[in-house]
Amino acid sequence: MKNLLTIVFVLSVLTYMGCSKKTASVQSEPSQTEPVTVKKAGVAKTIDRVASSPGSITFAAANERYSAAGKFNNWGFTKIDMKKGDVESLVATISIDLTSIWEKNDKLTAHLKAPDFFNIAKYSTAKMLIDNVEKTGDNTYKAAMTLDMKGLTQEMVSEFTVTSMDPLHVKGTAKVNRNLFGLGSVDMGVPELVEVTYDTDVKM
């Protein structure tokens, strides 16, 4: 009986100690919406890192079972540098809020945010550099694009059309290698290169 009481007492103490431990605090990553300073025509201007989207960035991918069509609701330019009227001088950077991804099917939207796709709990922002713009025809151009996402980098060529000069408005496409970034399994029946379309004003 004495030994039983001793065991009960020890268990009670251990339970109390376990319940009284404080939960370790976890510091969140720095905000992705801190303002940055950019320059256009030599004039500095501060804009939001993921500013109000000036247009649309959409994507489409399909296999035998489903045709996905989605977009990123929150993105913006963090740098625009271009000589007036000279599209070929354009150098720009874009920040994309990956947590704002949306697809018409709510379950797929949730899945796209999961670790086996964009893994937004770990990677909340992607960045795109646009430079080396070349004219290819009447109002048509191509540009070099460098996408930094999930700690990886892809270089690609994008073709776009200028539909307006004031403000500068462009429509174009690029192809993202989903296998490079681990967006879904390799054998899910979706092409390796997923087409991304943008339609936007290029302005701060």
N, C-alpha and C. Protein backbone atom coordinates (compact mmCIF):
# COMPACT_ATOMS: atom_id res chain seq x y z
N MET A 1 0.83 -1.20 0.00
CA MET A 1 0.00 0.00 0.00
C MET A 1 0.86 1.25 0.00
N LYS A 2 1.95 1.21 0.79
CA LYS A 2 2.88 2.34 0.86
C LYS A 2 3.51 2.60 -0.50
N ASN A 3 3.91 1.51 -1.20
CA ASN A 3 4.53 1.67 -2.53
C ASN A 3 3.54 2.25 -3.52
N LEU A 4 2.26 1.85 -3.43
CA LEU A 4 1.23 2.36 -4.33
C LEU A 4 1.03 3.85 -4.14
N LEU A 5 1.01 4.30 -2.91
CA LEU A 5 0.85 5.72 -2.61
C LEU A 5 2.04 6.52 -3.15
N THR A 6 3.23 5.92 -3.05
CA THR A 6 4.45 6.60 -3.54
C THR A 6 4.38 6.79 -5.06
N ILE A 7 3.93 5.75 -5.77
CA ILE A 7 3.81 5.82 -7.24
C ILE A 7 2.80 6.87 -7.64
N VAL A 8 1.64 6.89 -6.95
CA VAL A 8 0.61 7.88 -7.25
C VAL A 8 1.13 9.29 -7.04
N PHE A 9 1.89 9.48 -5.95
CA PHE A 9 2.45 10.81 -5.66
C PHE A 9 3.42 11.26 -6.75
N VAL A 10 4.31 10.33 -7.18
CA VAL A 10 5.30 10.66 -8.22
C VAL A 10 4.59 11.01 -9.53
N LEU A 11 3.57 10.24 -9.90
CA LEU A 11 2.83 10.52 -11.14
C LEU A 11 2.14 11.86 -11.07
N SER A 12 1.60 12.20 -9.92
CA SER A 12 0.92 13.49 -9.75
C SER A 12 1.88 14.64 -9.94
N VAL A 13 3.09 14.51 -9.38
CA VAL A 13 4.10 15.57 -9.52
C VAL A 13 4.51 15.73 -10.97
N LEU A 14 4.75 14.60 -11.66
CA LEU A 14 5.17 14.67 -13.06
C LEU A 14 4.08 15.29 -13.92
N THR A 15 2.82 14.94 -13.66
CA THR A 15 1.70 15.52 -14.43
C THR A 15 1.62 17.01 -14.23
N TYR A 16 1.78 17.45 -12.99
CA TYR A 16 1.73 18.88 -12.70
C TYR A 16 2.85 19.63 -13.41
N MET A 17 4.07 19.03 -13.38
CA MET A 17 5.23 19.67 -14.03
C MET A 17 4.99 19.78 -15.53
N GLY A 18 4.42 18.74 -16.14
CA GLY A 18 4.16 18.76 -17.57
C GLY A 18 3.15 19.80 -17.95
N CYS A 19 2.11 19.98 -17.13
CA CYS A 19 1.07 20.94 -17.44
C CYS A 19 1.51 22.36 -17.21
N SER A 20 2.52 22.55 -16.37
CA SER A 20 2.93 23.91 -16.03
C SER A 20 3.99 24.47 -16.96
N LYS A 21 4.49 23.64 -17.90
CA LYS A 21 5.50 24.13 -18.84
C LYS A 21 4.90 25.15 -19.76
N LYS A 22 5.62 26.24 -20.04
CA LYS A 22 5.16 27.27 -20.96
C LYS A 22 5.45 26.86 -22.39
N THR A 23 4.53 27.13 -23.27
CA THR A 23 4.73 26.82 -24.69
C THR A 23 5.74 27.79 -25.27
N ALA A 24 6.73 27.25 -26.00
CA ALA A 24 7.77 28.11 -26.58
C ALA A 24 7.15 29.02 -27.63
N SER A 25 7.57 30.27 -27.61
CA SER A 25 7.03 31.22 -28.59
C SER A 25 7.73 31.03 -29.92
N VAL A 26 6.98 31.20 -31.00
CA VAL A 26 7.53 31.06 -32.34
C VAL A 26 7.44 32.41 -33.02
N GLN A 27 8.55 32.92 -33.50
CA GLN A 27 8.57 34.20 -34.18
C GLN A 27 8.22 34.01 -35.63
N SER A 28 7.29 34.79 -36.10
CA SER A 28 6.91 34.71 -37.50
C SER A 28 7.95 35.38 -38.37
N GLU A 29 7.94 35.03 -39.67
CA GLU A 29 8.87 35.65 -40.61
C GLU A 29 8.53 37.12 -40.77
N PRO A 30 9.51 37.93 -41.14
CA PRO A 30 9.23 39.34 -41.37
C PRO A 30 8.11 39.53 -42.36
N SER A 31 7.35 40.57 -42.19
CA SER A 31 6.21 40.84 -43.07
C SER A 31 6.66 40.97 -44.51
N GLN A 32 5.87 40.40 -45.42
CA GLN A 32 6.18 40.48 -46.84
C GLN A 32 5.62 41.75 -47.47
N THR A 33 5.02 42.60 -46.64
CA THR A 33 4.42 43.80 -47.20
C THR A 33 5.11 45.07 -46.73
N GLU A 34 6.37 44.94 -46.31
CA GLU A 34 7.12 46.13 -45.92
C GLU A 34 7.39 46.97 -47.16
N PRO A 35 7.34 48.30 -47.05
CA PRO A 35 7.54 49.14 -48.23
C PRO A 35 8.99 49.12 -48.70
N VAL A 36 9.19 49.29 -49.98
CA VAL A 36 10.53 49.36 -50.55
C VAL A 36 10.61 50.61 -51.41
N THR A 37 11.81 51.07 -51.63
CA THR A 37 12.02 52.25 -52.45
C THR A 37 12.49 51.84 -53.83
N VAL A 38 11.86 52.35 -54.85
CA VAL A 38 12.22 52.03 -56.23
C VAL A 38 12.47 53.32 -56.99
N LYS A 39 13.04 53.20 -58.15
CA LYS A 39 13.36 54.38 -58.95
C LYS A 39 12.77 54.26 -60.34
N LYS A 40 12.26 55.36 -60.83
CA LYS A 40 11.77 55.45 -62.21
C LYS A 40 12.19 56.80 -62.75
N ALA A 41 12.97 56.74 -63.83
CA ALA A 41 13.48 57.98 -64.43
C ALA A 41 14.21 58.83 -63.40
N GLY A 42 14.96 58.14 -62.49
CA GLY A 42 15.78 58.86 -61.53
C GLY A 42 15.03 59.40 -60.33
N VAL A 43 13.72 59.15 -60.24
CA VAL A 43 12.93 59.65 -59.12
C VAL A 43 12.57 58.50 -58.20
N ALA A 44 12.93 58.63 -56.93
CA ALA A 44 12.64 57.57 -55.98
C ALA A 44 11.18 57.63 -55.55
N LYS A 45 10.58 56.46 -55.42
CA LYS A 45 9.20 56.39 -54.96
C LYS A 45 9.01 55.12 -54.15
N THR A 46 8.30 55.21 -53.03
CA THR A 46 8.08 54.06 -52.18
C THR A 46 6.73 53.44 -52.51
N ILE A 47 6.74 52.12 -52.74
CA ILE A 47 5.50 51.41 -52.99
C ILE A 47 5.46 50.17 -52.12
N ASP A 48 4.30 49.56 -52.01
CA ASP A 48 4.14 48.36 -51.22
C ASP A 48 4.82 47.19 -51.89
N ARG A 49 5.42 46.29 -51.08
CA ARG A 49 6.15 45.16 -51.65
C ARG A 49 5.22 44.25 -52.45
N VAL A 50 4.01 44.04 -51.98
CA VAL A 50 3.02 43.31 -52.75
C VAL A 50 1.85 44.25 -52.92
N ALA A 51 2.00 45.14 -53.85
CA ALA A 51 1.03 46.23 -54.02
C ALA A 51 -0.27 45.72 -54.61
N SER A 52 -1.24 46.59 -54.61
CA SER A 52 -2.52 46.27 -55.23
C SER A 52 -2.29 45.92 -56.69
N SER A 53 -2.78 44.76 -57.09
CA SER A 53 -2.48 44.22 -58.41
C SER A 53 -2.97 45.13 -59.52
N PRO A 54 -2.09 45.52 -60.47
CA PRO A 54 -2.47 46.40 -61.56
C PRO A 54 -3.07 45.67 -62.75
N GLY A 55 -3.28 44.38 -62.61
CA GLY A 55 -3.81 43.58 -63.72
C GLY A 55 -4.01 42.16 -63.24
N SER A 56 -3.75 41.19 -64.11
CA SER A 56 -3.98 39.80 -63.75
C SER A 56 -2.78 38.92 -64.09
N ILE A 57 -2.56 37.92 -63.24
CA ILE A 57 -1.63 36.83 -63.51
C ILE A 57 -2.43 35.55 -63.34
N THR A 58 -2.62 34.82 -64.43
CA THR A 58 -3.44 33.61 -64.41
C THR A 58 -2.63 32.42 -64.91
N PHE A 59 -3.13 31.23 -64.61
CA PHE A 59 -2.46 30.01 -65.07
C PHE A 59 -3.50 28.98 -65.47
N ALA A 60 -3.10 28.08 -66.33
CA ALA A 60 -4.00 27.01 -66.77
C ALA A 60 -3.21 25.72 -66.93
N ALA A 61 -3.79 24.62 -66.47
CA ALA A 61 -3.16 23.31 -66.60
C ALA A 61 -4.26 22.26 -66.60
N ALA A 62 -4.05 21.19 -67.34
CA ALA A 62 -5.11 20.18 -67.45
C ALA A 62 -4.53 18.78 -67.60
N ASN A 63 -5.29 17.82 -67.09
CA ASN A 63 -5.03 16.41 -67.40
C ASN A 63 -6.35 15.80 -67.85
N GLU A 64 -6.43 14.48 -67.90
CA GLU A 64 -7.62 13.82 -68.43
C GLU A 64 -8.85 14.03 -67.54
N ARG A 65 -8.63 14.33 -66.27
CA ARG A 65 -9.74 14.42 -65.32
C ARG A 65 -10.23 15.85 -65.07
N TYR A 66 -9.33 16.84 -65.22
CA TYR A 66 -9.73 18.19 -64.80
C TYR A 66 -8.90 19.25 -65.52
N SER A 67 -9.54 20.38 -65.81
CA SER A 67 -8.84 21.52 -66.39
C SER A 67 -8.80 22.64 -65.36
N ALA A 68 -7.63 22.89 -64.83
CA ALA A 68 -7.48 23.91 -63.79
C ALA A 68 -7.27 25.28 -64.43
N ALA A 69 -7.90 26.28 -63.86
CA ALA A 69 -7.73 27.67 -64.30
C ALA A 69 -7.75 28.54 -63.06
N GLY A 70 -6.62 29.14 -62.75
CA GLY A 70 -6.53 29.91 -61.51
C GLY A 70 -5.80 31.21 -61.69
N LYS A 71 -5.56 31.89 -60.57
CA LYS A 71 -4.89 33.18 -60.61
C LYS A 71 -4.28 33.49 -59.25
N PHE A 72 -3.46 34.54 -59.23
CA PHE A 72 -2.93 35.09 -57.98
C PHE A 72 -3.62 36.43 -57.75
N ASN A 73 -4.30 36.55 -56.63
CA ASN A 73 -5.09 37.75 -56.37
C ASN A 73 -4.26 38.93 -55.89
N ASN A 74 -3.09 38.67 -55.35
CA ASN A 74 -2.30 39.74 -54.75
C ASN A 74 -0.87 39.72 -55.26
N TRP A 75 -0.51 40.72 -56.03
CA TRP A 75 0.85 40.83 -56.54
C TRP A 75 1.06 42.28 -56.99
N GLY A 76 2.30 42.63 -57.23
CA GLY A 76 2.56 44.00 -57.66
C GLY A 76 4.01 44.22 -58.05
N PHE A 77 4.27 45.32 -58.74
CA PHE A 77 5.63 45.69 -59.12
C PHE A 77 6.36 46.28 -57.92
N THR A 78 7.58 45.85 -57.72
CA THR A 78 8.42 46.45 -56.67
C THR A 78 9.53 47.32 -57.27
N LYS A 79 9.69 47.23 -58.59
CA LYS A 79 10.66 48.09 -59.27
C LYS A 79 10.24 48.23 -60.72
N ILE A 80 10.26 49.45 -61.21
CA ILE A 80 10.04 49.71 -62.64
C ILE A 80 11.03 50.78 -63.05
N ASP A 81 11.85 50.46 -64.04
CA ASP A 81 12.83 51.42 -64.54
C ASP A 81 12.75 51.38 -66.07
N MET A 82 12.33 52.49 -66.68
CA MET A 82 12.18 52.52 -68.13
C MET A 82 12.29 53.95 -68.63
N LYS A 83 13.04 54.14 -69.70
CA LYS A 83 13.09 55.45 -70.34
C LYS A 83 11.76 55.71 -71.02
N LYS A 84 11.29 56.92 -70.96
CA LYS A 84 9.98 57.25 -71.49
C LYS A 84 9.86 56.85 -72.97
N GLY A 85 8.82 56.04 -73.26
CA GLY A 85 8.55 55.63 -74.63
C GLY A 85 9.44 54.53 -75.16
N ASP A 86 10.38 54.04 -74.35
CA ASP A 86 11.34 53.03 -74.81
C ASP A 86 11.11 51.71 -74.07
N VAL A 87 10.26 50.87 -74.64
CA VAL A 87 9.91 49.62 -73.99
C VAL A 87 11.13 48.72 -73.83
N GLU A 88 12.07 48.79 -74.78
CA GLU A 88 13.24 47.92 -74.71
C GLU A 88 14.17 48.25 -73.55
N SER A 89 13.99 49.41 -72.93
CA SER A 89 14.81 49.77 -71.78
C SER A 89 14.19 49.30 -70.46
N LEU A 90 13.05 48.65 -70.53
CA LEU A 90 12.32 48.25 -69.33
C LEU A 90 13.09 47.21 -68.50
N VAL A 91 13.21 47.51 -67.23
CA VAL A 91 13.69 46.55 -66.23
C VAL A 91 12.70 46.63 -65.07
N ALA A 92 12.16 45.50 -64.66
CA ALA A 92 11.15 45.51 -63.61
C ALA A 92 11.24 44.26 -62.75
N THR A 93 10.76 44.37 -61.53
CA THR A 93 10.63 43.22 -60.65
C THR A 93 9.20 43.16 -60.12
N ILE A 94 8.73 41.95 -59.95
CA ILE A 94 7.38 41.70 -59.46
C ILE A 94 7.45 40.81 -58.24
N SER A 95 6.63 41.10 -57.24
CA SER A 95 6.48 40.24 -56.07
C SER A 95 5.08 39.65 -56.08
N ILE A 96 5.00 38.34 -55.92
CA ILE A 96 3.72 37.62 -55.98
C ILE A 96 3.45 36.98 -54.62
N ASP A 97 2.30 37.29 -54.06
CA ASP A 97 1.86 36.70 -52.80
C ASP A 97 1.28 35.32 -53.10
N LEU A 98 2.06 34.27 -52.82
CA LEU A 98 1.62 32.91 -53.14
C LEU A 98 0.41 32.48 -52.32
N THR A 99 0.22 33.10 -51.16
CA THR A 99 -0.93 32.75 -50.33
C THR A 99 -2.24 33.20 -50.95
N SER A 100 -2.14 34.08 -51.97
CA SER A 100 -3.36 34.60 -52.60
C SER A 100 -3.79 33.76 -53.81
N ILE A 101 -3.18 32.60 -53.99
CA ILE A 101 -3.55 31.75 -55.13
C ILE A 101 -5.01 31.34 -55.03
N TRP A 102 -5.68 31.28 -56.20
CA TRP A 102 -7.10 30.95 -56.24
C TRP A 102 -7.39 30.12 -57.47
N GLU A 103 -8.27 29.13 -57.28
CA GLU A 103 -8.77 28.33 -58.39
C GLU A 103 -10.27 28.16 -58.17
N LYS A 104 -11.01 27.97 -59.24
CA LYS A 104 -12.48 27.95 -59.14
C LYS A 104 -13.02 26.86 -58.24
N ASN A 105 -12.24 25.80 -58.03
CA ASN A 105 -12.63 24.73 -57.12
C ASN A 105 -11.97 24.96 -55.76
N ASP A 106 -12.76 25.14 -54.72
CA ASP A 106 -12.22 25.46 -53.40
C ASP A 106 -11.27 24.39 -52.88
N LYS A 107 -11.61 23.11 -53.13
CA LYS A 107 -10.73 22.03 -52.67
C LYS A 107 -9.38 22.07 -53.37
N LEU A 108 -9.39 22.38 -54.65
CA LEU A 108 -8.13 22.48 -55.37
C LEU A 108 -7.33 23.69 -54.89
N THR A 109 -8.01 24.80 -54.60
CA THR A 109 -7.31 25.97 -54.06
C THR A 109 -6.56 25.59 -52.79
N ALA A 110 -7.24 24.87 -51.89
CA ALA A 110 -6.61 24.44 -50.64
C ALA A 110 -5.44 23.51 -50.92
N HIS A 111 -5.60 22.61 -51.91
CA HIS A 111 -4.54 21.67 -52.24
C HIS A 111 -3.32 22.38 -52.83
N LEU A 112 -3.57 23.40 -53.65
CA LEU A 112 -2.45 24.14 -54.24
C LEU A 112 -1.60 24.85 -53.18
N LYS A 113 -2.19 25.13 -52.03
CA LYS A 113 -1.46 25.78 -50.95
C LYS A 113 -0.68 24.79 -50.08
N ALA A 114 -0.91 23.50 -50.29
CA ALA A 114 -0.32 22.45 -49.46
C ALA A 114 1.16 22.22 -49.79
N PRO A 115 1.86 21.47 -48.92
CA PRO A 115 3.30 21.23 -49.10
C PRO A 115 3.68 20.61 -50.44
N ASP A 116 2.81 19.78 -51.03
CA ASP A 116 3.18 19.12 -52.29
C ASP A 116 2.95 20.01 -53.51
N PHE A 117 2.48 21.24 -53.28
CA PHE A 117 2.38 22.20 -54.38
C PHE A 117 3.17 23.47 -54.00
N PHE A 118 2.50 24.55 -53.68
CA PHE A 118 3.22 25.80 -53.42
C PHE A 118 3.76 25.90 -51.99
N ASN A 119 3.26 25.10 -51.09
CA ASN A 119 3.77 25.06 -49.71
C ASN A 119 3.81 26.46 -49.10
N ILE A 120 2.65 27.11 -49.05
CA ILE A 120 2.62 28.51 -48.64
C ILE A 120 2.98 28.73 -47.18
N ALA A 121 2.90 27.68 -46.35
CA ALA A 121 3.29 27.83 -44.96
C ALA A 121 4.79 28.11 -44.83
N LYS A 122 5.55 27.66 -45.82
CA LYS A 122 7.01 27.86 -45.81
C LYS A 122 7.45 28.91 -46.80
N TYR A 123 6.78 28.98 -47.95
CA TYR A 123 7.16 29.92 -49.01
C TYR A 123 5.96 30.80 -49.35
N SER A 124 5.95 32.01 -48.87
CA SER A 124 4.77 32.86 -49.05
C SER A 124 4.89 33.82 -50.24
N THR A 125 6.11 34.00 -50.76
CA THR A 125 6.31 35.00 -51.81
C THR A 125 7.21 34.47 -52.92
N ALA A 126 6.87 34.82 -54.15
CA ALA A 126 7.74 34.55 -55.30
C ALA A 126 8.13 35.89 -55.92
N LYS A 127 9.28 35.91 -56.57
CA LYS A 127 9.75 37.15 -57.19
C LYS A 127 10.12 36.89 -58.65
N MET A 128 9.81 37.86 -59.49
CA MET A 128 10.10 37.76 -60.92
C MET A 128 10.88 38.98 -61.38
N LEU A 129 12.02 38.74 -62.03
CA LEU A 129 12.82 39.81 -62.64
C LEU A 129 12.57 39.80 -64.14
N ILE A 130 12.33 40.98 -64.70
CA ILE A 130 12.10 41.14 -66.14
C ILE A 130 13.15 42.08 -66.70
N ASP A 131 13.90 41.64 -67.71
CA ASP A 131 14.90 42.51 -68.33
C ASP A 131 15.22 42.00 -69.73
N ASN A 132 16.21 42.62 -70.37
CA ASN A 132 16.64 42.23 -71.72
C ASN A 132 15.47 42.17 -72.71
N VAL A 133 14.71 43.23 -72.74
CA VAL A 133 13.55 43.30 -73.64
C VAL A 133 14.01 43.58 -75.07
N GLU A 134 13.47 42.84 -76.03
CA GLU A 134 13.80 43.04 -77.44
C GLU A 134 12.52 43.14 -78.26
N LYS A 135 12.51 44.04 -79.23
CA LYS A 135 11.36 44.18 -80.10
C LYS A 135 11.41 43.10 -81.16
N THR A 136 10.27 42.44 -81.41
CA THR A 136 10.22 41.36 -82.40
C THR A 136 9.29 41.67 -83.56
N GLY A 137 8.50 42.74 -83.46
CA GLY A 137 7.57 43.11 -84.52
C GLY A 137 6.78 44.33 -84.12
N ASP A 138 5.72 44.61 -84.87
CA ASP A 138 4.88 45.76 -84.53
C ASP A 138 4.19 45.51 -83.19
N ASN A 139 4.62 46.26 -82.19
CA ASN A 139 4.05 46.18 -80.83
C ASN A 139 4.27 44.83 -80.15
N THR A 140 5.16 44.01 -80.67
CA THR A 140 5.45 42.73 -80.03
C THR A 140 6.90 42.70 -79.55
N TYR A 141 7.11 42.03 -78.42
CA TYR A 141 8.43 42.00 -77.79
C TYR A 141 8.65 40.64 -77.14
N LYS A 142 9.90 40.41 -76.78
CA LYS A 142 10.23 39.27 -75.93
C LYS A 142 11.15 39.78 -74.83
N ALA A 143 11.09 39.11 -73.69
CA ALA A 143 11.89 39.54 -72.54
C ALA A 143 12.42 38.33 -71.80
N ALA A 144 13.54 38.52 -71.14
CA ALA A 144 14.07 37.49 -70.26
C ALA A 144 13.37 37.62 -68.91
N MET A 145 12.96 36.50 -68.36
CA MET A 145 12.34 36.49 -67.04
C MET A 145 13.07 35.49 -66.15
N THR A 146 13.27 35.89 -64.90
CA THR A 146 13.88 35.00 -63.92
C THR A 146 12.92 34.88 -62.74
N LEU A 147 12.43 33.67 -62.51
CA LEU A 147 11.48 33.41 -61.43
C LEU A 147 12.20 32.78 -60.25
N ASP A 148 12.10 33.42 -59.09
CA ASP A 148 12.62 32.87 -57.83
C ASP A 148 11.44 32.44 -56.99
N MET A 149 11.35 31.14 -56.71
CA MET A 149 10.21 30.61 -55.96
C MET A 149 10.62 29.34 -55.23
N LYS A 150 10.21 29.22 -53.99
CA LYS A 150 10.49 28.04 -53.17
C LYS A 150 11.98 27.76 -53.08
N GLY A 151 12.79 28.82 -53.08
CA GLY A 151 14.23 28.65 -52.96
C GLY A 151 14.91 28.18 -54.23
N LEU A 152 14.20 28.18 -55.34
CA LEU A 152 14.73 27.72 -56.63
C LEU A 152 14.55 28.81 -57.68
N THR A 153 15.28 28.68 -58.80
CA THR A 153 15.26 29.71 -59.83
C THR A 153 15.06 29.09 -61.21
N GLN A 154 14.20 29.72 -62.01
CA GLN A 154 14.01 29.32 -63.40
C GLN A 154 14.17 30.54 -64.29
N GLU A 155 14.95 30.40 -65.35
CA GLU A 155 15.07 31.43 -66.37
C GLU A 155 14.23 31.04 -67.57
N MET A 156 13.51 32.01 -68.13
CA MET A 156 12.62 31.72 -69.25
C MET A 156 12.55 32.93 -70.17
N VAL A 157 11.97 32.73 -71.34
CA VAL A 157 11.73 33.82 -72.27
C VAL A 157 10.22 34.01 -72.38
N SER A 158 9.77 35.24 -72.28
CA SER A 158 8.35 35.55 -72.39
C SER A 158 8.11 36.45 -73.59
N GLU A 159 7.03 36.19 -74.31
CA GLU A 159 6.63 37.04 -75.42
C GLU A 159 5.41 37.84 -75.01
N PHE A 160 5.39 39.14 -75.37
CA PHE A 160 4.25 39.96 -74.99
C PHE A 160 3.95 41.01 -76.06
N THR A 161 2.74 41.53 -75.98
CA THR A 161 2.26 42.56 -76.89
C THR A 161 1.96 43.82 -76.11
N VAL A 162 2.37 44.96 -76.65
CA VAL A 162 2.04 46.25 -76.04
C VAL A 162 0.75 46.76 -76.67
N THR A 163 -0.27 46.94 -75.86
CA THR A 163 -1.56 47.41 -76.37
C THR A 163 -1.79 48.89 -76.11
N SER A 164 -0.94 49.50 -75.28
CA SER A 164 -1.06 50.92 -74.98
C SER A 164 0.27 51.41 -74.45
N MET A 165 0.61 52.66 -74.79
CA MET A 165 1.87 53.24 -74.30
C MET A 165 1.67 54.17 -73.10
N ASP A 166 0.49 54.72 -72.95
CA ASP A 166 0.25 55.67 -71.85
C ASP A 166 -1.13 55.46 -71.26
N PRO A 167 -1.25 54.59 -70.22
CA PRO A 167 -0.13 53.91 -69.56
C PRO A 167 0.34 52.72 -70.38
N LEU A 168 1.56 52.27 -70.11
CA LEU A 168 2.09 51.09 -70.78
C LEU A 168 1.28 49.88 -70.33
N HIS A 169 0.67 49.21 -71.31
CA HIS A 169 -0.13 48.03 -71.00
C HIS A 169 0.37 46.86 -71.85
N VAL A 170 0.60 45.73 -71.19
CA VAL A 170 1.15 44.57 -71.88
C VAL A 170 0.30 43.33 -71.63
N LYS A 171 0.31 42.44 -72.63
CA LYS A 171 -0.32 41.13 -72.52
C LYS A 171 0.69 40.11 -73.00
N GLY A 172 0.92 39.07 -72.20
CA GLY A 172 1.91 38.09 -72.62
C GLY A 172 1.77 36.76 -71.90
N THR A 173 2.67 35.85 -72.24
CA THR A 173 2.67 34.53 -71.65
C THR A 173 4.10 34.11 -71.30
N ALA A 174 4.18 33.19 -70.36
CA ALA A 174 5.45 32.56 -70.00
C ALA A 174 5.12 31.13 -69.59
N LYS A 175 6.12 30.27 -69.58
CA LYS A 175 5.89 28.88 -69.20
C LYS A 175 6.77 28.51 -68.01
N VAL A 176 6.09 28.09 -66.94
CA VAL A 176 6.78 27.74 -65.70
C VAL A 176 6.94 26.23 -65.62
N ASN A 177 8.14 25.79 -65.28
CA ASN A 177 8.44 24.37 -65.16
C ASN A 177 7.97 23.88 -63.78
N ARG A 178 6.80 23.24 -63.74
CA ARG A 178 6.24 22.83 -62.45
C ARG A 178 7.07 21.75 -61.78
N ASN A 179 7.73 20.90 -62.57
CA ASN A 179 8.56 19.85 -61.98
C ASN A 179 9.77 20.43 -61.26
N LEU A 180 10.35 21.48 -61.81
CA LEU A 180 11.48 22.14 -61.17
C LEU A 180 11.12 22.62 -59.78
N PHE A 181 9.91 23.18 -59.65
CA PHE A 181 9.50 23.76 -58.37
C PHE A 181 8.70 22.78 -57.50
N GLY A 182 8.58 21.55 -57.93
CA GLY A 182 7.86 20.56 -57.14
C GLY A 182 6.39 20.87 -56.98
N LEU A 183 5.77 21.32 -58.07
CA LEU A 183 4.34 21.64 -58.03
C LEU A 183 3.55 20.41 -58.46
N GLY A 184 3.21 19.58 -57.50
CA GLY A 184 2.54 18.33 -57.80
C GLY A 184 3.53 17.24 -58.19
N SER A 185 3.02 16.04 -58.36
CA SER A 185 3.88 14.92 -58.73
C SER A 185 4.21 14.95 -60.22
N VAL A 186 5.33 14.35 -60.57
CA VAL A 186 5.77 14.33 -61.97
C VAL A 186 4.79 13.57 -62.85
N ASP A 187 4.16 12.52 -62.28
CA ASP A 187 3.31 11.64 -63.09
C ASP A 187 1.82 11.93 -62.93
N MET A 188 1.45 13.17 -62.62
CA MET A 188 0.04 13.49 -62.39
C MET A 188 -0.72 13.76 -63.69
N GLY A 189 -0.04 13.65 -64.83
CA GLY A 189 -0.71 13.81 -66.10
C GLY A 189 -0.82 15.22 -66.60
N VAL A 190 -0.21 16.16 -65.89
CA VAL A 190 -0.20 17.57 -66.30
C VAL A 190 1.13 17.86 -66.99
N PRO A 191 1.14 18.62 -68.09
CA PRO A 191 2.40 18.94 -68.76
C PRO A 191 3.43 19.55 -67.83
N GLU A 192 4.68 19.30 -68.14
CA GLU A 192 5.77 19.83 -67.31
C GLU A 192 5.78 21.36 -67.32
N LEU A 193 5.50 21.96 -68.48
CA LEU A 193 5.49 23.41 -68.60
C LEU A 193 4.06 23.92 -68.53
N VAL A 194 3.79 24.73 -67.51
CA VAL A 194 2.45 25.28 -67.29
C VAL A 194 2.43 26.72 -67.79
N GLU A 195 1.45 27.05 -68.62
CA GLU A 195 1.39 28.39 -69.18
C GLU A 195 0.80 29.38 -68.18
N VAL A 196 1.53 30.48 -68.03
CA VAL A 196 1.09 31.58 -67.18
C VAL A 196 0.84 32.78 -68.09
N THR A 197 -0.28 33.46 -67.90
CA THR A 197 -0.66 34.61 -68.72
C THR A 197 -0.75 35.85 -67.86
N TYR A 198 -0.23 36.96 -68.37
CA TYR A 198 -0.33 38.22 -67.64
C TYR A 198 -0.93 39.29 -68.54
N ASP A 199 -1.68 40.17 -67.95
CA ASP A 199 -2.40 41.23 -68.66
C ASP A 199 -2.43 42.42 -67.70
N THR A 200 -1.58 43.41 -67.91
CA THR A 200 -1.40 44.42 -66.87
C THR A 200 -0.87 45.75 -67.36
N ASP A 201 -1.17 46.79 -66.62
CA ASP A 201 -0.49 48.06 -66.78
C ASP A 201 0.87 47.95 -66.11
N VAL A 202 1.88 48.53 -66.71
CA VAL A 202 3.21 48.57 -66.11
C VAL A 202 3.41 49.97 -65.55
N LYS A 203 3.00 50.13 -64.31
CA LYS A 203 3.11 51.46 -63.68
C LYS A 203 3.14 51.29 -62.18
N MET A 204 3.62 52.34 -61.51
CA MET A 204 3.67 52.34 -60.05
C MET A 204 2.47 53.10 -59.51
